[in-house]
Amino acid sequence: MGCSTTILDRIIERKRAEVADRKADYPVEELQELIAKQDPPRGFSDSLVSQVNSKKSAVIAEIKRASPSKGLLRSDFQPALHASQYERAGATCLSVLTDQDFFQGSDEDLKAARGACALPVIRKDFIIDPYQIFESRA
């Protein structure tokens, strides 16, 4: 019986290498310094609970450049613009794809979306290391 590699195995292998490179370039201590200067978190789960408790829809709008199955979804991808549009349309929170290899996302997409609106924002990625949590907050 042979051992076959799954797509998830390939994703995790690639993500491990990616995170190791980023750790070497930008130590966690530097991320922690940036985090100390940030505004407090915007309360992602609290916003969802508040909407539901108020008997309102709780919408998490997704900002995604591409997908492995569909390829490029938007040639005019502008995360800041999309974030502000979703906020005006009544979204409760945002989810921003940051995986480079499989979704063509980036940490810059997350920063742009966060900077363009007041909504709580979550990073959607393959999180395999606590370092990535610090990156998300920084």
N, C-alpha and C. Protein backbone atom coordinates (compact mmCIF):
# COMPACT_ATOMS: atom_id res chain seq x y z
N MET A 1 0.84 -1.17 0.00
CA MET A 1 0.00 0.00 0.00
C MET A 1 0.89 1.24 0.00
N GLY A 2 0.80 2.06 -1.05
CA GLY A 2 1.63 3.25 -1.18
C GLY A 2 1.04 4.44 -0.46
N CYS A 3 1.90 5.36 -0.16
CA CYS A 3 1.47 6.59 0.50
C CYS A 3 1.29 7.67 -0.57
N SER A 4 0.08 8.14 -0.73
CA SER A 4 -0.15 9.17 -1.74
C SER A 4 -0.24 10.53 -1.08
N THR A 5 0.28 11.51 -1.77
CA THR A 5 0.26 12.88 -1.28
C THR A 5 -1.03 13.55 -1.71
N THR A 6 -1.69 14.18 -0.77
CA THR A 6 -2.94 14.89 -1.06
C THR A 6 -2.65 16.36 -1.35
N ILE A 7 -3.64 17.06 -1.85
CA ILE A 7 -3.50 18.49 -2.07
C ILE A 7 -3.22 19.20 -0.75
N LEU A 8 -3.86 18.76 0.32
CA LEU A 8 -3.61 19.38 1.62
C LEU A 8 -2.17 19.17 2.07
N ASP A 9 -1.62 17.98 1.81
CA ASP A 9 -0.21 17.73 2.13
C ASP A 9 0.69 18.71 1.39
N ARG A 10 0.41 18.94 0.12
CA ARG A 10 1.21 19.87 -0.69
C ARG A 10 1.06 21.30 -0.18
N ILE A 11 -0.16 21.67 0.18
CA ILE A 11 -0.40 23.02 0.70
C ILE A 11 0.40 23.24 1.99
N ILE A 12 0.33 22.28 2.91
CA ILE A 12 1.01 22.41 4.19
C ILE A 12 2.52 22.45 4.00
N GLU A 13 3.03 21.61 3.11
CA GLU A 13 4.47 21.60 2.84
C GLU A 13 4.91 22.97 2.32
N ARG A 14 4.18 23.51 1.38
CA ARG A 14 4.51 24.82 0.81
C ARG A 14 4.38 25.92 1.87
N LYS A 15 3.34 25.83 2.68
CA LYS A 15 3.12 26.85 3.71
C LYS A 15 4.24 26.82 4.75
N ARG A 16 4.71 25.64 5.11
CA ARG A 16 5.83 25.54 6.07
C ARG A 16 7.06 26.28 5.56
N ALA A 17 7.37 26.07 4.28
CA ALA A 17 8.52 26.75 3.68
C ALA A 17 8.30 28.26 3.64
N GLU A 18 7.11 28.67 3.28
CA GLU A 18 6.77 30.10 3.20
C GLU A 18 6.91 30.77 4.57
N VAL A 19 6.37 30.13 5.60
CA VAL A 19 6.43 30.70 6.95
C VAL A 19 7.88 30.75 7.44
N ALA A 20 8.65 29.72 7.16
CA ALA A 20 10.06 29.71 7.57
C ALA A 20 10.81 30.88 6.93
N ASP A 21 10.55 31.14 5.66
CA ASP A 21 11.19 32.28 4.98
C ASP A 21 10.79 33.60 5.62
N ARG A 22 9.52 33.74 5.93
CA ARG A 22 9.05 35.00 6.52
C ARG A 22 9.60 35.20 7.93
N LYS A 23 9.70 34.11 8.69
CA LYS A 23 10.28 34.21 10.04
C LYS A 23 11.73 34.70 9.97
N ALA A 24 12.46 34.21 8.98
CA ALA A 24 13.86 34.61 8.82
C ALA A 24 13.96 36.09 8.44
N ASP A 25 13.03 36.56 7.63
CA ASP A 25 13.05 37.96 7.18
C ASP A 25 12.51 38.94 8.21
N TYR A 26 11.54 38.48 9.01
CA TYR A 26 10.82 39.37 9.91
C TYR A 26 10.54 38.65 11.22
N PRO A 27 11.46 38.70 12.17
CA PRO A 27 11.30 37.95 13.43
C PRO A 27 10.02 38.32 14.18
N VAL A 28 9.52 37.38 14.95
CA VAL A 28 8.27 37.58 15.68
C VAL A 28 8.37 38.77 16.63
N GLU A 29 9.56 39.05 17.14
CA GLU A 29 9.72 40.19 18.05
C GLU A 29 9.38 41.51 17.34
N GLU A 30 9.73 41.61 16.07
CA GLU A 30 9.39 42.81 15.30
C GLU A 30 7.88 42.90 15.09
N LEU A 31 7.25 41.76 14.86
CA LEU A 31 5.79 41.76 14.72
C LEU A 31 5.14 42.20 16.03
N GLN A 32 5.66 41.72 17.14
CA GLN A 32 5.10 42.09 18.44
C GLN A 32 5.22 43.59 18.70
N GLU A 33 6.31 44.20 18.25
CA GLU A 33 6.47 45.65 18.39
C GLU A 33 5.40 46.38 17.58
N LEU A 34 5.13 45.90 16.37
CA LEU A 34 4.08 46.51 15.55
C LEU A 34 2.71 46.34 16.19
N ILE A 35 2.46 45.17 16.72
CA ILE A 35 1.16 44.87 17.36
C ILE A 35 0.92 45.81 18.54
N ALA A 36 1.96 46.09 19.30
CA ALA A 36 1.83 46.96 20.47
C ALA A 36 1.35 48.37 20.09
N LYS A 37 1.59 48.76 18.84
CA LYS A 37 1.20 50.10 18.37
C LYS A 37 -0.17 50.11 17.68
N GLN A 38 -0.77 48.94 17.51
CA GLN A 38 -2.04 48.83 16.79
C GLN A 38 -3.23 49.21 17.68
N ASP A 39 -4.31 49.61 17.02
CA ASP A 39 -5.57 49.79 17.72
C ASP A 39 -6.03 48.42 18.23
N PRO A 40 -6.92 48.39 19.22
CA PRO A 40 -7.42 47.10 19.71
C PRO A 40 -8.17 46.35 18.60
N PRO A 41 -8.26 45.02 18.72
CA PRO A 41 -9.03 44.25 17.74
C PRO A 41 -10.46 44.78 17.63
N ARG A 42 -11.05 44.59 16.48
CA ARG A 42 -12.38 45.13 16.20
C ARG A 42 -13.53 44.23 16.65
N GLY A 43 -13.24 43.08 17.19
CA GLY A 43 -14.30 42.24 17.75
C GLY A 43 -15.08 41.44 16.72
N PHE A 44 -14.40 40.59 15.99
CA PHE A 44 -15.02 39.78 14.93
C PHE A 44 -16.19 38.97 15.48
N SER A 45 -15.92 38.12 16.46
CA SER A 45 -16.99 37.25 16.98
C SER A 45 -18.06 38.06 17.71
N ASP A 46 -17.66 39.11 18.42
CA ASP A 46 -18.65 39.95 19.10
C ASP A 46 -19.61 40.60 18.11
N SER A 47 -19.09 41.02 16.97
CA SER A 47 -19.96 41.63 15.95
C SER A 47 -20.98 40.64 15.41
N LEU A 48 -20.54 39.42 15.18
CA LEU A 48 -21.45 38.39 14.69
C LEU A 48 -22.53 38.07 15.72
N VAL A 49 -22.11 37.89 16.97
CA VAL A 49 -23.06 37.57 18.04
C VAL A 49 -24.06 38.71 18.21
N SER A 50 -23.59 39.93 18.17
CA SER A 50 -24.47 41.09 18.32
C SER A 50 -25.54 41.12 17.23
N GLN A 51 -25.14 40.86 16.01
CA GLN A 51 -26.10 40.83 14.90
C GLN A 51 -27.15 39.75 15.10
N VAL A 52 -26.69 38.56 15.45
CA VAL A 52 -27.60 37.43 15.64
C VAL A 52 -28.54 37.71 16.82
N ASN A 53 -28.00 38.23 17.91
CA ASN A 53 -28.83 38.54 19.08
C ASN A 53 -29.87 39.62 18.77
N SER A 54 -29.57 40.46 17.80
CA SER A 54 -30.51 41.51 17.38
C SER A 54 -31.46 41.02 16.29
N LYS A 55 -31.41 39.70 16.03
CA LYS A 55 -32.27 39.07 15.01
C LYS A 55 -31.99 39.64 13.61
N LYS A 56 -30.72 40.00 13.37
CA LYS A 56 -30.32 40.50 12.06
C LYS A 56 -29.39 39.48 11.41
N SER A 57 -29.27 39.57 10.10
CA SER A 57 -28.33 38.70 9.39
C SER A 57 -26.91 39.09 9.76
N ALA A 58 -26.07 38.09 9.94
CA ALA A 58 -24.65 38.31 10.21
C ALA A 58 -23.88 37.82 8.99
N VAL A 59 -23.45 38.74 8.16
CA VAL A 59 -22.81 38.40 6.90
C VAL A 59 -21.30 38.60 7.00
N ILE A 60 -20.56 37.53 6.69
CA ILE A 60 -19.11 37.63 6.55
C ILE A 60 -18.84 37.68 5.05
N ALA A 61 -18.43 38.84 4.56
CA ALA A 61 -18.15 39.01 3.14
C ALA A 61 -16.70 38.62 2.87
N GLU A 62 -16.48 37.92 1.77
CA GLU A 62 -15.15 37.41 1.45
C GLU A 62 -14.49 38.22 0.34
N ILE A 63 -13.22 38.53 0.56
CA ILE A 63 -12.43 39.22 -0.45
C ILE A 63 -11.39 38.23 -0.94
N LYS A 64 -11.53 37.83 -2.20
CA LYS A 64 -10.70 36.75 -2.75
C LYS A 64 -10.35 37.07 -4.20
N ARG A 65 -9.07 37.04 -4.51
CA ARG A 65 -8.58 37.33 -5.86
C ARG A 65 -8.77 36.14 -6.81
N ALA A 66 -8.51 34.94 -6.31
CA ALA A 66 -8.55 33.75 -7.17
C ALA A 66 -8.86 32.53 -6.33
N SER A 67 -9.14 31.41 -7.01
CA SER A 67 -9.32 30.14 -6.32
C SER A 67 -8.64 29.05 -7.13
N PRO A 68 -8.23 27.96 -6.48
CA PRO A 68 -7.57 26.88 -7.21
C PRO A 68 -8.45 26.28 -8.30
N SER A 69 -9.74 26.22 -8.07
CA SER A 69 -10.63 25.58 -9.04
C SER A 69 -11.09 26.52 -10.16
N LYS A 70 -11.23 27.80 -9.86
CA LYS A 70 -11.76 28.77 -10.84
C LYS A 70 -10.70 29.68 -11.44
N GLY A 71 -9.51 29.71 -10.85
CA GLY A 71 -8.48 30.63 -11.33
C GLY A 71 -8.79 32.05 -10.89
N LEU A 72 -8.32 33.01 -11.68
CA LEU A 72 -8.52 34.42 -11.37
C LEU A 72 -10.00 34.77 -11.40
N LEU A 73 -10.49 35.35 -10.32
CA LEU A 73 -11.91 35.70 -10.22
C LEU A 73 -12.17 37.14 -10.64
N ARG A 74 -11.21 38.01 -10.37
CA ARG A 74 -11.39 39.43 -10.70
C ARG A 74 -10.07 39.98 -11.22
N SER A 75 -10.07 40.47 -12.44
CA SER A 75 -8.85 41.08 -12.97
C SER A 75 -8.67 42.48 -12.40
N ASP A 76 -9.74 43.09 -11.92
CA ASP A 76 -9.69 44.44 -11.34
C ASP A 76 -9.70 44.39 -9.82
N PHE A 77 -9.01 43.43 -9.24
CA PHE A 77 -9.04 43.19 -7.80
C PHE A 77 -8.46 44.38 -7.03
N GLN A 78 -9.29 44.96 -6.17
CA GLN A 78 -8.90 46.10 -5.34
C GLN A 78 -9.45 45.88 -3.93
N PRO A 79 -8.69 45.23 -3.06
CA PRO A 79 -9.22 44.87 -1.75
C PRO A 79 -9.77 46.04 -0.95
N ALA A 80 -9.14 47.20 -1.01
CA ALA A 80 -9.64 48.36 -0.26
C ALA A 80 -11.01 48.78 -0.77
N LEU A 81 -11.16 48.83 -2.07
CA LEU A 81 -12.44 49.21 -2.67
C LEU A 81 -13.52 48.19 -2.32
N HIS A 82 -13.18 46.92 -2.44
CA HIS A 82 -14.16 45.87 -2.13
C HIS A 82 -14.57 45.92 -0.66
N ALA A 83 -13.61 46.20 0.22
CA ALA A 83 -13.92 46.28 1.66
C ALA A 83 -14.90 47.42 1.93
N SER A 84 -14.66 48.57 1.35
CA SER A 84 -15.56 49.69 1.60
C SER A 84 -16.93 49.45 0.97
N GLN A 85 -16.96 48.77 -0.17
CA GLN A 85 -18.25 48.44 -0.80
C GLN A 85 -19.04 47.46 0.07
N TYR A 86 -18.36 46.45 0.58
CA TYR A 86 -19.03 45.49 1.46
C TYR A 86 -19.55 46.17 2.72
N GLU A 87 -18.76 47.08 3.27
CA GLU A 87 -19.20 47.80 4.47
C GLU A 87 -20.46 48.61 4.18
N ARG A 88 -20.47 49.34 3.07
CA ARG A 88 -21.65 50.13 2.70
C ARG A 88 -22.86 49.25 2.43
N ALA A 89 -22.61 48.03 1.95
CA ALA A 89 -23.72 47.11 1.64
C ALA A 89 -24.27 46.42 2.89
N GLY A 90 -23.61 46.60 4.04
CA GLY A 90 -24.14 46.06 5.28
C GLY A 90 -23.48 44.80 5.81
N ALA A 91 -22.31 44.44 5.27
CA ALA A 91 -21.60 43.26 5.81
C ALA A 91 -21.29 43.48 7.28
N THR A 92 -21.27 42.40 8.03
CA THR A 92 -20.94 42.45 9.45
C THR A 92 -19.43 42.39 9.67
N CYS A 93 -18.77 41.53 8.89
CA CYS A 93 -17.34 41.29 9.01
C CYS A 93 -16.77 40.98 7.62
N LEU A 94 -15.45 40.99 7.53
CA LEU A 94 -14.77 40.62 6.29
C LEU A 94 -13.83 39.45 6.52
N SER A 95 -13.71 38.63 5.49
CA SER A 95 -12.73 37.56 5.44
C SER A 95 -11.86 37.82 4.22
N VAL A 96 -10.54 37.91 4.42
CA VAL A 96 -9.63 38.24 3.32
C VAL A 96 -8.67 37.08 3.10
N LEU A 97 -8.68 36.53 1.88
CA LEU A 97 -7.77 35.45 1.52
C LEU A 97 -6.36 35.99 1.38
N THR A 98 -5.40 35.39 2.10
CA THR A 98 -4.02 35.86 2.03
C THR A 98 -3.06 34.82 1.47
N ASP A 99 -3.53 33.61 1.20
CA ASP A 99 -2.64 32.58 0.66
C ASP A 99 -2.20 32.95 -0.75
N GLN A 100 -0.89 32.99 -0.96
CA GLN A 100 -0.31 33.39 -2.25
C GLN A 100 -0.41 32.29 -3.30
N ASP A 101 0.06 31.10 -2.96
CA ASP A 101 0.21 30.04 -3.95
C ASP A 101 -1.10 29.51 -4.52
N PHE A 102 -2.12 29.42 -3.72
CA PHE A 102 -3.36 28.80 -4.18
C PHE A 102 -4.49 29.79 -4.42
N PHE A 103 -4.39 31.00 -3.83
CA PHE A 103 -5.47 31.99 -3.97
C PHE A 103 -4.98 33.36 -4.47
N GLN A 104 -3.69 33.47 -4.74
CA GLN A 104 -3.08 34.71 -5.22
C GLN A 104 -3.31 35.88 -4.27
N GLY A 105 -3.46 35.58 -2.98
CA GLY A 105 -3.67 36.62 -1.99
C GLY A 105 -2.35 37.07 -1.38
N SER A 106 -2.45 38.03 -0.47
CA SER A 106 -1.24 38.53 0.20
C SER A 106 -1.62 39.21 1.51
N ASP A 107 -0.61 39.40 2.35
CA ASP A 107 -0.82 40.16 3.58
C ASP A 107 -1.19 41.60 3.24
N GLU A 108 -0.70 42.09 2.11
CA GLU A 108 -1.03 43.45 1.69
C GLU A 108 -2.53 43.58 1.39
N ASP A 109 -3.14 42.52 0.87
CA ASP A 109 -4.60 42.54 0.66
C ASP A 109 -5.32 42.72 1.99
N LEU A 110 -4.85 42.01 3.01
CA LEU A 110 -5.45 42.11 4.34
C LEU A 110 -5.30 43.53 4.89
N LYS A 111 -4.11 44.09 4.78
CA LYS A 111 -3.86 45.44 5.28
C LYS A 111 -4.70 46.47 4.54
N ALA A 112 -4.81 46.32 3.23
CA ALA A 112 -5.59 47.27 2.43
C ALA A 112 -7.06 47.22 2.82
N ALA A 113 -7.59 46.02 2.97
CA ALA A 113 -9.01 45.87 3.34
C ALA A 113 -9.25 46.44 4.74
N ARG A 114 -8.38 46.11 5.68
CA ARG A 114 -8.53 46.59 7.05
C ARG A 114 -8.47 48.11 7.11
N GLY A 115 -7.59 48.69 6.31
CA GLY A 115 -7.42 50.14 6.32
C GLY A 115 -8.54 50.91 5.67
N ALA A 116 -9.35 50.24 4.87
CA ALA A 116 -10.39 50.92 4.09
C ALA A 116 -11.77 50.90 4.74
N CYS A 117 -11.89 50.21 5.88
CA CYS A 117 -13.22 50.12 6.50
C CYS A 117 -13.07 49.97 8.01
N ALA A 118 -14.20 50.03 8.69
CA ALA A 118 -14.20 49.88 10.15
C ALA A 118 -14.67 48.49 10.58
N LEU A 119 -14.92 47.61 9.62
CA LEU A 119 -15.42 46.27 9.94
C LEU A 119 -14.33 45.41 10.57
N PRO A 120 -14.71 44.44 11.40
CA PRO A 120 -13.75 43.43 11.85
C PRO A 120 -13.32 42.60 10.64
N VAL A 121 -12.04 42.25 10.61
CA VAL A 121 -11.48 41.53 9.47
C VAL A 121 -10.73 40.31 9.98
N ILE A 122 -10.92 39.19 9.30
CA ILE A 122 -10.21 37.96 9.63
C ILE A 122 -9.36 37.54 8.43
N ARG A 123 -8.20 36.99 8.73
CA ARG A 123 -7.31 36.48 7.70
C ARG A 123 -7.72 35.05 7.38
N LYS A 124 -7.97 34.78 6.11
CA LYS A 124 -8.30 33.42 5.69
C LYS A 124 -7.09 32.85 4.97
N ASP A 125 -6.51 31.84 5.56
CA ASP A 125 -5.28 31.25 5.04
C ASP A 125 -5.15 29.85 5.61
N PHE A 126 -4.10 29.17 5.27
CA PHE A 126 -3.78 27.88 5.86
C PHE A 126 -2.85 28.17 7.04
N ILE A 127 -3.42 28.25 8.23
CA ILE A 127 -2.66 28.64 9.42
C ILE A 127 -2.05 27.38 10.03
N ILE A 128 -0.73 27.33 10.03
CA ILE A 128 -0.02 26.15 10.52
C ILE A 128 0.97 26.49 11.63
N ASP A 129 1.13 27.78 11.93
CA ASP A 129 2.16 28.20 12.87
C ASP A 129 1.67 29.44 13.63
N PRO A 130 1.92 29.50 14.94
CA PRO A 130 1.50 30.68 15.70
C PRO A 130 2.04 32.00 15.13
N TYR A 131 3.18 31.94 14.46
CA TYR A 131 3.76 33.13 13.83
C TYR A 131 2.75 33.83 12.92
N GLN A 132 1.95 33.04 12.22
CA GLN A 132 0.97 33.61 11.29
C GLN A 132 -0.10 34.42 12.01
N ILE A 133 -0.39 34.07 13.25
CA ILE A 133 -1.36 34.84 14.04
C ILE A 133 -0.78 36.22 14.34
N PHE A 134 0.49 36.25 14.70
CA PHE A 134 1.15 37.54 14.93
C PHE A 134 1.16 38.37 13.64
N GLU A 135 1.45 37.72 12.52
CA GLU A 135 1.41 38.43 11.23
C GLU A 135 0.04 39.04 10.97
N SER A 136 -0.98 38.27 11.23
CA SER A 136 -2.35 38.72 10.99
C SER A 136 -2.67 39.97 11.80
N ARG A 137 -2.23 40.00 13.02
CA ARG A 137 -2.52 41.12 13.91
C ARG A 137 -1.67 42.34 13.58
N ALA A 138 -0.42 42.09 13.14
CA ALA A 138 0.50 43.19 12.82
C ALA A 138 0.04 43.89 11.56
